[in-house]
Amino acid sequence: MAADKAKPKRRVLKKAAETVRERADKQANKQPKQSGVVRLALQYIAAPFKFVWRPIAKVSHKKPFRIIGHILLPSYFRNSWKELRQVTWPNRKQSWQLTLAVIVFAVTFGLIIAVVDFGLDKLFKQVLIK
């Protein structure tokens, strides 16, 4: 009798899928590795411009390109871009479900407004005509 009873299967927890924000954080944390040759070439290319960059960097304690970005781009656009990078976008299935929900709500609400409008129209015509 005891052998007839089957052991219950163990539940295996699946790891949740990686979100868009987690992927973006991973990409942001990755530093591109430059080979020694590329780094050396960049040093030689950038050497003539050091006399321009150093005074700017000393005054502002920031990279020159960041300063130019702050001047050219208003803070509204910078903050909007930062917010957009933090958005967790819905997948295709969720997008379709939400789209259908909006369509159903719009049609239902439109029908209700049409019926109320038709009823009030008939009521006011009867009241004003008599």
Protein backbone atom coordinates (compact mmCIF):
# COMPACT_ATOMS: atom_id res chain seq x y z
CA MET A 1 0.00 0.00 0.00
CA ALA A 2 2.77 2.43 0.90
CA ALA A 3 4.54 1.70 -2.38
CA ASP A 4 1.40 2.63 -4.34
CA LYS A 5 1.57 6.22 -3.16
CA ALA A 6 3.63 8.29 -5.54
CA LYS A 7 5.93 10.93 -4.19
CA PRO A 8 4.80 14.44 -5.01
CA LYS A 9 6.97 16.15 -7.60
CA ARG A 10 9.24 18.84 -6.31
CA ARG A 11 8.53 22.26 -7.63
CA VAL A 12 11.43 23.90 -9.38
CA LEU A 13 11.54 27.66 -9.18
CA LYS A 14 12.50 29.28 -12.44
CA LYS A 15 14.64 32.33 -12.37
CA ALA A 16 12.72 35.43 -13.44
CA ALA A 17 13.59 36.81 -16.84
CA GLU A 18 16.05 39.66 -16.86
CA THR A 19 14.31 43.02 -17.10
CA VAL A 20 15.22 45.77 -19.51
CA ARG A 21 16.48 47.91 -16.65
CA GLU A 22 18.79 45.13 -15.42
CA ARG A 23 20.18 44.70 -18.94
CA ALA A 24 20.71 48.46 -19.24
CA ASP A 25 22.51 48.53 -15.88
CA LYS A 26 24.79 45.71 -17.00
CA GLN A 27 25.61 47.53 -20.23
CA ALA A 28 26.28 50.76 -18.34
CA ASN A 29 28.65 49.00 -15.94
CA LYS A 30 30.66 47.37 -18.71
CA GLN A 31 33.76 49.35 -19.52
CA PRO A 32 35.06 48.90 -23.04
CA LYS A 33 38.53 47.45 -22.92
CA GLN A 34 41.04 49.13 -25.16
CA SER A 35 44.06 47.34 -26.37
CA GLY A 36 47.47 48.81 -25.68
CA VAL A 37 47.91 49.82 -29.32
CA VAL A 38 44.60 51.68 -29.42
CA ARG A 39 45.30 53.43 -26.13
CA LEU A 40 48.75 54.47 -27.35
CA ALA A 41 47.31 55.74 -30.64
CA LEU A 42 44.69 57.78 -28.79
CA GLN A 43 47.36 59.32 -26.59
CA TYR A 44 49.35 60.45 -29.65
CA ILE A 45 46.25 61.78 -31.39
CA ALA A 46 45.03 63.66 -28.32
CA ALA A 47 48.44 65.04 -27.33
CA PRO A 48 48.18 68.32 -29.31
CA PHE A 49 44.80 69.10 -27.77
CA LYS A 50 45.87 68.69 -24.14
CA PHE A 51 46.78 72.35 -23.84
CA VAL A 52 43.14 73.21 -24.66
CA TRP A 53 41.51 70.59 -22.46
CA ARG A 54 43.58 71.06 -19.31
CA PRO A 55 42.48 74.63 -18.43
CA ILE A 56 38.84 73.72 -18.98
CA ALA A 57 39.15 70.58 -16.87
CA LYS A 58 40.89 72.47 -14.06
CA VAL A 59 38.22 75.14 -13.90
CA SER A 60 35.21 72.89 -14.11
CA HIS A 61 36.48 69.58 -12.71
CA LYS A 62 34.46 67.91 -15.47
CA LYS A 63 35.13 66.59 -18.91
CA PRO A 64 34.92 69.22 -21.65
CA PHE A 65 32.31 67.28 -23.60
CA ARG A 66 30.07 67.17 -20.56
CA ILE A 67 30.32 70.95 -20.27
CA ILE A 68 29.40 71.36 -23.92
CA GLY A 69 26.45 69.00 -23.42
CA HIS A 70 25.23 71.07 -20.48
CA ILE A 71 25.42 74.23 -22.55
CA LEU A 72 23.80 72.87 -25.70
CA LEU A 73 21.15 70.59 -24.20
CA PRO A 74 18.58 72.06 -21.84
CA SER A 75 18.10 70.18 -18.61
CA TYR A 76 14.58 69.16 -19.67
CA PHE A 77 15.93 66.96 -22.48
CA ARG A 78 18.71 65.50 -20.32
CA ASN A 79 16.27 64.62 -17.54
CA SER A 80 13.75 63.20 -20.03
CA TRP A 81 16.44 60.95 -21.49
CA LYS A 82 17.45 59.75 -18.00
CA GLU A 83 13.81 58.94 -17.19
CA LEU A 84 13.32 57.08 -20.46
CA ARG A 85 16.32 54.88 -19.71
CA GLN A 86 14.69 53.82 -16.44
CA VAL A 87 11.38 52.79 -18.04
CA THR A 88 10.55 49.09 -17.95
CA TRP A 89 8.78 48.54 -21.25
CA PRO A 90 5.98 45.95 -21.55
CA ASN A 91 6.53 42.89 -23.71
CA ARG A 92 4.50 42.15 -26.86
CA LYS A 93 1.76 40.20 -25.05
CA GLN A 94 1.25 42.91 -22.45
CA SER A 95 1.19 45.57 -25.17
CA TRP A 96 -1.60 43.76 -27.03
CA GLN A 97 -3.59 43.25 -23.85
CA LEU A 98 -3.31 46.90 -22.90
CA THR A 99 -4.17 48.01 -26.44
CA LEU A 100 -7.27 45.83 -26.51
CA ALA A 101 -8.31 47.12 -23.08
CA VAL A 102 -8.08 50.71 -24.33
CA ILE A 103 -10.09 49.89 -27.47
CA VAL A 104 -12.82 48.10 -25.49
CA PHE A 105 -13.01 50.98 -23.00
CA ALA A 106 -13.19 53.59 -25.78
CA VAL A 107 -15.96 51.75 -27.66
CA THR A 108 -17.96 51.15 -24.46
CA PHE A 109 -17.59 54.75 -23.31
CA GLY A 110 -18.52 56.01 -26.79
CA LEU A 111 -21.68 53.89 -26.82
CA ILE A 112 -22.71 55.14 -23.38
CA ILE A 113 -22.18 58.77 -24.43
CA ALA A 114 -24.13 58.18 -27.69
CA VAL A 115 -27.11 56.65 -25.83
CA VAL A 116 -27.18 59.47 -23.24
CA ASP A 117 -26.87 62.10 -26.00
CA PHE A 118 -29.70 60.51 -28.01
CA GLY A 119 -31.94 60.36 -24.91
CA LEU A 120 -31.27 63.97 -23.90
CA ASP A 121 -31.83 65.11 -27.49
CA LYS A 122 -35.26 63.45 -27.59
CA LEU A 123 -36.14 64.84 -24.14
CA PHE A 124 -35.17 68.43 -24.96
CA LYS A 125 -36.94 68.33 -28.33
CA GLN A 126 -40.15 67.19 -26.62
CA VAL A 127 -39.83 69.82 -23.89
CA LEU A 128 -38.96 72.71 -26.23
CA ILE A 129 -41.40 71.80 -29.01
CA LYS A 130 -44.42 71.52 -26.65
